Amino acid sequence: MKIYCITDNQELEVGLKLAGCEAITLKEKIEIEKKINEITKDANIGILVISKGIYAELKEKIDKIRMNNKLPLITII
């Protein structure tokens, strides 16, 4: 299983890529929602790492996914 990160911080993206994780920096809410939907449908992704800024912006949607799906495991950093 893979680890994927969605962040609004370029430095976090680079750091996680250096650690071997896939990562993307997004700023627009619509783009973030599309990416989250895409990742939750991908059976190869086991852990989704989300930055605090993105979590604050989409708290309800992310909490709903956490409660209803076993995978991916969503972690906020």
PDB file of N, CA and C in Angstrom:
ATOM      1  N   MET A   1       0.835  -1.184   0.000  1.00  0.00           N
ATOM      2  CA  MET A   1       0.000   0.000   0.000  1.00  0.00           C
ATOM      3  C   MET A   1       0.877   1.244   0.000  1.00  0.00           C
ATOM      4  N   LYS A   2       0.358   2.293  -0.583  1.00  0.00           N
ATOM      5  CA  LYS A   2       1.098   3.538  -0.736  1.00  0.00           C
ATOM      6  C   LYS A   2       0.651   4.576   0.294  1.00  0.00           C
ATOM      7  N   ILE A   3       1.529   5.546   0.502  1.00  0.00           N
ATOM      8  CA  ILE A   3       1.214   6.720   1.320  1.00  0.00           C
ATOM      9  C   ILE A   3       1.136   7.908   0.373  1.00  0.00           C
ATOM     10  N   TYR A   4       0.091   8.699   0.520  1.00  0.00           N
ATOM     11  CA  TYR A   4      -0.105   9.867  -0.335  1.00  0.00           C
ATOM     12  C   TYR A   4      -0.367  11.080   0.558  1.00  0.00           C
ATOM     13  N   CYS A   5       0.164  12.223   0.181  1.00  0.00           N
ATOM     14  CA  CYS A   5      -0.017  13.440   0.968  1.00  0.00           C
ATOM     15  C   CYS A   5      -0.634  14.546   0.113  1.00  0.00           C
ATOM     16  N   ILE A   6      -1.637  15.193   0.683  1.00  0.00           N
ATOM     17  CA  ILE A   6      -2.208  16.396   0.084  1.00  0.00           C
ATOM     18  C   ILE A   6      -1.916  17.530   1.056  1.00  0.00           C
ATOM     19  N   THR A   7      -1.244  18.544   0.583  1.00  0.00           N
ATOM     20  CA  THR A   7      -0.831  19.635   1.443  1.00  0.00           C
ATOM     21  C   THR A   7      -1.026  20.982   0.771  1.00  0.00           C
ATOM     22  N   ASP A   8      -0.983  22.020   1.583  1.00  0.00           N
ATOM     23  CA  ASP A   8      -0.993  23.379   1.057  1.00  0.00           C
ATOM     24  C   ASP A   8       0.367  24.037   1.297  1.00  0.00           C
ATOM     25  N   ASN A   9       1.368  23.216   1.638  1.00  0.00           N
ATOM     26  CA  ASN A   9       2.694  23.689   1.988  1.00  0.00           C
ATOM     27  C   ASN A   9       3.728  22.996   1.097  1.00  0.00           C
ATOM     28  N   GLN A  10       4.404  23.759   0.284  1.00  0.00           N
ATOM     29  CA  GLN A  10       5.380  23.235  -0.673  1.00  0.00           C
ATOM     30  C   GLN A  10       6.527  22.499   0.026  1.00  0.00           C
ATOM     31  N   GLU A  11       6.991  23.009   1.161  1.00  0.00           N
ATOM     32  CA  GLU A  11       8.096  22.375   1.867  1.00  0.00           C
ATOM     33  C   GLU A  11       7.714  20.984   2.381  1.00  0.00           C
ATOM     34  N   LEU A  12       6.493  20.823   2.863  1.00  0.00           N
ATOM     35  CA  LEU A  12       6.015  19.527   3.316  1.00  0.00           C
ATOM     36  C   LEU A  12       5.963  18.544   2.157  1.00  0.00           C
ATOM     37  N   GLU A  13       5.510  19.003   1.021  1.00  0.00           N
ATOM     38  CA  GLU A  13       5.467  18.146  -0.166  1.00  0.00           C
ATOM     39  C   GLU A  13       6.861  17.637  -0.512  1.00  0.00           C
ATOM     40  N   VAL A  14       7.832  18.534  -0.553  1.00  0.00           N
ATOM     41  CA  VAL A  14       9.203  18.151  -0.910  1.00  0.00           C
ATOM     42  C   VAL A  14       9.775  17.176   0.115  1.00  0.00           C
ATOM     43  N   GLY A  15       9.562  17.455   1.393  1.00  0.00           N
ATOM     44  CA  GLY A  15      10.067  16.578   2.443  1.00  0.00           C
ATOM     45  C   GLY A  15       9.512  15.169   2.348  1.00  0.00           C
ATOM     46  N   LEU A  16       8.229  15.043   2.120  1.00  0.00           N
ATOM     47  CA  LEU A  16       7.620  13.718   2.015  1.00  0.00           C
ATOM     48  C   LEU A  16       8.042  13.002   0.738  1.00  0.00           C
ATOM     49  N   LYS A  17       8.246  13.747  -0.329  1.00  0.00           N
ATOM     50  CA  LYS A  17       8.745  13.116  -1.553  1.00  0.00           C
ATOM     51  C   LYS A  17      10.149  12.568  -1.339  1.00  0.00           C
ATOM     52  N   LEU A  18      10.979  13.314  -0.597  1.00  0.00           N
ATOM     53  CA  LEU A  18      12.327  12.821  -0.284  1.00  0.00           C
ATOM     54  C   LEU A  18      12.278  11.564   0.573  1.00  0.00           C
ATOM     55  N   ALA A  19      11.222  11.408   1.363  1.00  0.00           N
ATOM     56  CA  ALA A  19      11.044  10.225   2.205  1.00  0.00           C
ATOM     57  C   ALA A  19      10.410   9.059   1.437  1.00  0.00           C
ATOM     58  N   GLY A  20      10.049   9.270   0.179  1.00  0.00           N
ATOM     59  CA  GLY A  20       9.509   8.196  -0.641  1.00  0.00           C
ATOM     60  C   GLY A  20       8.001   8.174  -0.772  1.00  0.00           C
ATOM     61  N   CYS A  21       7.320   9.198  -0.285  1.00  0.00           N
ATOM     62  CA  CYS A  21       5.862   9.271  -0.375  1.00  0.00           C
ATOM     63  C   CYS A  21       5.456  10.087  -1.602  1.00  0.00           C
ATOM     64  N   GLU A  22       4.303   9.782  -2.123  1.00  0.00           N
ATOM     65  CA  GLU A  22       3.741  10.621  -3.170  1.00  0.00           C
ATOM     66  C   GLU A  22       3.073  11.812  -2.495  1.00  0.00           C
ATOM     67  N   ALA A  23       3.199  12.994  -3.077  1.00  0.00           N
ATOM     68  CA  ALA A  23       2.627  14.188  -2.465  1.00  0.00           C
ATOM     69  C   ALA A  23       2.279  15.211  -3.536  1.00  0.00           C
ATOM     70  N   ILE A  24       1.344  16.085  -3.178  1.00  0.00           N
ATOM     71  CA  ILE A  24       0.929  17.161  -4.072  1.00  0.00           C
ATOM     72  C   ILE A  24       0.549  18.375  -3.233  1.00  0.00           C
ATOM     73  N   THR A  25       0.863  19.546  -3.754  1.00  0.00           N
ATOM     74  CA  THR A  25       0.467  20.797  -3.108  1.00  0.00           C
ATOM     75  C   THR A  25      -0.697  21.380  -3.888  1.00  0.00           C
ATOM     76  N   LEU A  26      -1.796  21.616  -3.195  1.00  0.00           N
ATOM     77  CA  LEU A  26      -2.990  22.196  -3.811  1.00  0.00           C
ATOM     78  C   LEU A  26      -3.475  23.369  -2.970  1.00  0.00           C
ATOM     79  N   LYS A  27      -4.006  24.381  -3.619  1.00  0.00           N
ATOM     80  CA  LYS A  27      -4.503  25.564  -2.914  1.00  0.00           C
ATOM     81  C   LYS A  27      -6.006  25.760  -3.063  1.00  0.00           C
ATOM     82  N   GLU A  28      -6.562  25.371  -4.202  1.00  0.00           N
ATOM     83  CA  GLU A  28      -7.974  25.589  -4.485  1.00  0.00           C
ATOM     84  C   GLU A  28      -8.842  24.483  -3.876  1.00  0.00           C
ATOM     85  N   LYS A  29      -9.919  24.879  -3.231  1.00  0.00           N
ATOM     86  CA  LYS A  29     -10.805  23.933  -2.549  1.00  0.00           C
ATOM     87  C   LYS A  29     -11.377  22.886  -3.505  1.00  0.00           C
ATOM     88  N   ILE A  30     -11.754  23.299  -4.693  1.00  0.00           N
ATOM     89  CA  ILE A  30     -12.324  22.375  -5.676  1.00  0.00           C
ATOM     90  C   ILE A  30     -11.301  21.320  -6.080  1.00  0.00           C
ATOM     91  N   GLU A  31     -10.054  21.739  -6.316  1.00  0.00           N
ATOM     92  CA  GLU A  31      -8.997  20.801  -6.684  1.00  0.00           C
ATOM     93  C   GLU A  31      -8.728  19.815  -5.556  1.00  0.00           C
ATOM     94  N   ILE A  32      -8.739  20.312  -4.325  1.00  0.00           N
ATOM     95  CA  ILE A  32      -8.495  19.455  -3.160  1.00  0.00           C
ATOM     96  C   ILE A  32      -9.597  18.405  -3.042  1.00  0.00           C
ATOM     97  N   GLU A  33     -10.844  18.814  -3.184  1.00  0.00           N
ATOM     98  CA  GLU A  33     -11.971  17.877  -3.100  1.00  0.00           C
ATOM     99  C   GLU A  33     -11.880  16.808  -4.186  1.00  0.00           C
ATOM    100  N   LYS A  34     -11.532  17.200  -5.404  1.00  0.00           N
ATOM    101  CA  LYS A  34     -11.392  16.236  -6.499  1.00  0.00           C
ATOM    102  C   LYS A  34     -10.296  15.222  -6.187  1.00  0.00           C
ATOM    103  N   LYS A  35      -9.173  15.699  -5.674  1.00  0.00           N
ATOM    104  CA  LYS A  35      -8.053  14.813  -5.371  1.00  0.00           C
ATOM    105  C   LYS A  35      -8.407  13.858  -4.237  1.00  0.00           C
ATOM    106  N   ILE A  36      -9.088  14.348  -3.203  1.00  0.00           N
ATOM    107  CA  ILE A  36      -9.505  13.481  -2.103  1.00  0.00           C
ATOM    108  C   ILE A  36     -10.450  12.397  -2.613  1.00  0.00           C
ATOM    109  N   ASN A  37     -11.398  12.770  -3.454  1.00  0.00           N
ATOM    110  CA  ASN A  37     -12.326  11.784  -4.035  1.00  0.00           C
ATOM    111  C   ASN A  37     -11.574  10.733  -4.851  1.00  0.00           C
ATOM    112  N   GLU A  38     -10.601  11.187  -5.614  1.00  0.00           N
ATOM    113  CA  GLU A  38      -9.798  10.282  -6.440  1.00  0.00           C
ATOM    114  C   GLU A  38      -9.010   9.306  -5.563  1.00  0.00           C
ATOM    115  N   ILE A  39      -8.414   9.800  -4.507  1.00  0.00           N
ATOM    116  CA  ILE A  39      -7.583   8.969  -3.637  1.00  0.00           C
ATOM    117  C   ILE A  39      -8.419   7.973  -2.848  1.00  0.00           C
ATOM    118  N   THR A  40      -9.583   8.377  -2.385  1.00  0.00           N
ATOM    119  CA  THR A  40     -10.415   7.454  -1.605  1.00  0.00           C
ATOM    120  C   THR A  40     -10.935   6.299  -2.462  1.00  0.00           C
ATOM    121  N   LYS A  41     -10.948   6.456  -3.767  1.00  0.00           N
ATOM    122  CA  LYS A  41     -11.378   5.382  -4.670  1.00  0.00           C
ATOM    123  C   LYS A  41     -10.218   4.472  -5.081  1.00  0.00           C
ATOM    124  N   ASP A  42      -8.988   4.898  -4.822  1.00  0.00           N
ATOM    125  CA  ASP A  42      -7.804   4.137  -5.208  1.00  0.00           C
ATOM    126  C   ASP A  42      -7.471   3.112  -4.127  1.00  0.00           C
ATOM    127  N   ALA A  43      -7.601   1.838  -4.442  1.00  0.00           N
ATOM    128  CA  ALA A  43      -7.374   0.768  -3.473  1.00  0.00           C
ATOM    129  C   ALA A  43      -5.900   0.602  -3.120  1.00  0.00           C
ATOM    130  N   ASN A  44      -4.994   1.187  -3.891  1.00  0.00           N
ATOM    131  CA  ASN A  44      -3.562   1.059  -3.636  1.00  0.00           C
ATOM    132  C   ASN A  44      -3.054   2.021  -2.564  1.00  0.00           C
ATOM    133  N   ILE A  45      -3.855   3.015  -2.194  1.00  0.00           N
ATOM    134  CA  ILE A  45      -3.425   4.003  -1.207  1.00  0.00           C
ATOM    135  C   ILE A  45      -3.978   3.602   0.154  1.00  0.00           C
ATOM    136  N   GLY A  46      -3.058   3.343   1.091  1.00  0.00           N
ATOM    137  CA  GLY A  46      -3.444   2.896   2.423  1.00  0.00           C
ATOM    138  C   GLY A  46      -3.481   4.011   3.445  1.00  0.00           C
ATOM    139  N   ILE A  47      -2.635   5.028   3.245  1.00  0.00           N
ATOM    140  CA  ILE A  47      -2.577   6.154   4.187  1.00  0.00           C
ATOM    141  C   ILE A  47      -2.640   7.447   3.394  1.00  0.00           C
ATOM    142  N   LEU A  48      -3.512   8.329   3.823  1.00  0.00           N
ATOM    143  CA  LEU A  48      -3.620   9.663   3.238  1.00  0.00           C
ATOM    144  C   LEU A  48      -3.220  10.663   4.311  1.00  0.00           C
ATOM    145  N   VAL A  49      -2.163  11.405   4.043  1.00  0.00           N
ATOM    146  CA  VAL A  49      -1.678  12.423   4.966  1.00  0.00           C
ATOM    147  C   VAL A  49      -2.206  13.768   4.473  1.00  0.00           C
ATOM    148  N   ILE A  50      -2.824  14.515   5.383  1.00  0.00           N
ATOM    149  CA  ILE A  50      -3.403  15.809   5.030  1.00  0.00           C
ATOM    150  C   ILE A  50      -2.848  16.865   5.980  1.00  0.00           C
ATOM    151  N   SER A  51      -2.491  18.013   5.441  1.00  0.00           N
ATOM    152  CA  SER A  51      -1.969  19.093   6.282  1.00  0.00           C
ATOM    153  C   SER A  51      -3.095  19.749   7.080  1.00  0.00           C
ATOM    154  N   LYS A  52      -2.719  20.423   8.154  1.00  0.00           N
ATOM    155  CA  LYS A  52      -3.698  21.081   9.029  1.00  0.00           C
ATOM    156  C   LYS A  52      -4.549  22.099   8.274  1.00  0.00           C
ATOM    157  N   GLY A  53      -3.928  22.837   7.372  1.00  0.00           N
ATOM    158  CA  GLY A  53      -4.653  23.858   6.616  1.00  0.00           C
ATOM    159  C   GLY A  53      -5.760  23.270   5.759  1.00  0.00           C
ATOM    160  N   ILE A  54      -5.469  22.177   5.107  1.00  0.00           N
ATOM    161  CA  ILE A  54      -6.480  21.521   4.273  1.00  0.00           C
ATOM    162  C   ILE A  54      -7.557  20.899   5.150  1.00  0.00           C
ATOM    163  N   TYR A  55      -7.162  20.317   6.271  1.00  0.00           N
ATOM    164  CA  TYR A  55      -8.147  19.735   7.183  1.00  0.00           C
ATOM    165  C   TYR A  55      -9.093  20.813   7.700  1.00  0.00           C
ATOM    166  N   ALA A  56      -8.569  21.972   8.046  1.00  0.00           N
ATOM    167  CA  ALA A  56      -9.408  23.060   8.542  1.00  0.00           C
ATOM    168  C   ALA A  56     -10.418  23.508   7.486  1.00  0.00           C
ATOM    169  N   GLU A  57      -9.998  23.475   6.241  1.00  0.00           N
ATOM    170  CA  GLU A  57     -10.859  23.921   5.149  1.00  0.00           C
ATOM    171  C   GLU A  57     -11.962  22.911   4.818  1.00  0.00           C
ATOM    172  N   LEU A  58     -11.655  21.621   4.953  1.00  0.00           N
ATOM    173  CA  LEU A  58     -12.600  20.568   4.562  1.00  0.00           C
ATOM    174  C   LEU A  58     -12.876  19.604   5.711  1.00  0.00           C
ATOM    175  N   LYS A  59     -12.971  20.102   6.913  1.00  0.00           N
ATOM    176  CA  LYS A  59     -13.115  19.288   8.115  1.00  0.00           C
ATOM    177  C   LYS A  59     -14.296  18.321   8.043  1.00  0.00           C
ATOM    178  N   GLU A  60     -15.465  18.792   7.677  1.00  0.00           N
ATOM    179  CA  GLU A  60     -16.659  17.936   7.649  1.00  0.00           C
ATOM    180  C   GLU A  60     -16.500  16.782   6.661  1.00  0.00           C
ATOM    181  N   LYS A  61     -16.026  17.083   5.465  1.00  0.00           N
ATOM    182  CA  LYS A  61     -15.863  16.058   4.430  1.00  0.00           C
ATOM    183  C   LYS A  61     -14.835  15.018   4.864  1.00  0.00           C
ATOM    184  N   ILE A  62     -13.719  15.465   5.401  1.00  0.00           N
ATOM    185  CA  ILE A  62     -12.658  14.552   5.813  1.00  0.00           C
ATOM    186  C   ILE A  62     -13.111  13.689   6.983  1.00  0.00           C
ATOM    187  N   ASP A  63     -13.789  14.285   7.951  1.00  0.00           N
ATOM    188  CA  ASP A  63     -14.294  13.509   9.094  1.00  0.00           C
ATOM    189  C   ASP A  63     -15.306  12.454   8.651  1.00  0.00           C
ATOM    190  N   LYS A  64     -16.123  12.793   7.676  1.00  0.00           N
ATOM    191  CA  LYS A  64     -17.103  11.839   7.158  1.00  0.00           C
ATOM    192  C   LYS A  64     -16.400  10.646   6.500  1.00  0.00           C
ATOM    193  N   ILE A  65     -15.360  10.914   5.751  1.00  0.00           N
ATOM    194  CA  ILE A  65     -14.592   9.846   5.110  1.00  0.00           C
ATOM    195  C   ILE A  65     -13.930   8.981   6.178  1.00  0.00           C
ATOM    196  N   ARG A  66     -13.374   9.604   7.205  1.00  0.00           N
ATOM    197  CA  ARG A  66     -12.709   8.865   8.286  1.00  0.00           C
ATOM    198  C   ARG A  66     -13.689   7.937   9.010  1.00  0.00           C
ATOM    199  N   MET A  67     -14.905   8.376   9.186  1.00  0.00           N
ATOM    200  CA  MET A  67     -15.894   7.588   9.919  1.00  0.00           C
ATOM    201  C   MET A  67     -16.479   6.447   9.076  1.00  0.00           C
ATOM    202  N   ASN A  68     -16.594   6.647   7.777  1.00  0.00           N
ATOM    203  CA  ASN A  68     -17.294   5.684   6.922  1.00  0.00           C
ATOM    204  C   ASN A  68     -16.391   4.711   6.168  1.00  0.00           C
ATOM    205  N   ASN A  69     -15.099   4.996   6.064  1.00  0.00           N
ATOM    206  CA  ASN A  69     -14.198   4.143   5.275  1.00  0.00           C
ATOM    207  C   ASN A  69     -13.077   3.594   6.148  1.00  0.00           C
ATOM    208  N   LYS A  70     -12.737   2.344   5.921  1.00  0.00           N
ATOM    209  CA  LYS A  70     -11.586   1.756   6.620  1.00  0.00           C
ATOM    210  C   LYS A  70     -10.277   2.244   6.004  1.00  0.00           C
ATOM    211  N   LEU A  71     -10.259   2.314   4.682  1.00  0.00           N
ATOM    212  CA  LEU A  71      -9.087   2.792   3.975  1.00  0.00           C
ATOM    213  C   LEU A  71      -9.468   3.895   3.016  1.00  0.00           C
ATOM    214  N   PRO A  72      -8.638   4.854   2.816  1.00  0.00           N
ATOM    215  CA  PRO A  72      -7.332   5.015   3.412  1.00  0.00           C
ATOM    216  C   PRO A  72      -7.445   5.567   4.845  1.00  0.00           C
ATOM    217  N   LEU A  73      -6.442   5.238   5.626  1.00  0.00           N
ATOM    218  CA  LEU A  73      -6.316   5.824   6.962  1.00  0.00           C
ATOM    219  C   LEU A  73      -5.899   7.274   6.757  1.00  0.00           C
ATOM    220  N   ILE A  74      -6.658   8.205   7.309  1.00  0.00           N
ATOM    221  CA  ILE A  74      -6.371   9.622   7.099  1.00  0.00           C
ATOM    222  C   ILE A  74      -5.681  10.169   8.344  1.00  0.00           C
ATOM    223  N   THR A  75      -4.514  10.772   8.127  1.00  0.00           N
ATOM    224  CA  THR A  75      -3.711  11.345   9.188  1.00  0.00           C
ATOM    225  C   THR A  75      -3.523  12.831   8.928  1.00  0.00           C
ATOM    226  N   ILE A  76      -3.675  13.626   9.974  1.00  0.00           N
ATOM    227  CA  ILE A  76      -3.514  15.077   9.860  1.00  0.00           C
ATOM    228  C   ILE A  76      -2.162  15.464  10.458  1.00  0.00           C
ATOM    229  N   ILE A  77      -1.367  16.214   9.688  1.00  0.00           N
ATOM    230  CA  ILE A  77      -0.096  16.709  10.231  1.00  0.00           C
ATOM    231  C   ILE A  77       0.021  18.203  10.049  1.00  0.00           C
TER     232      ILE A  77
END
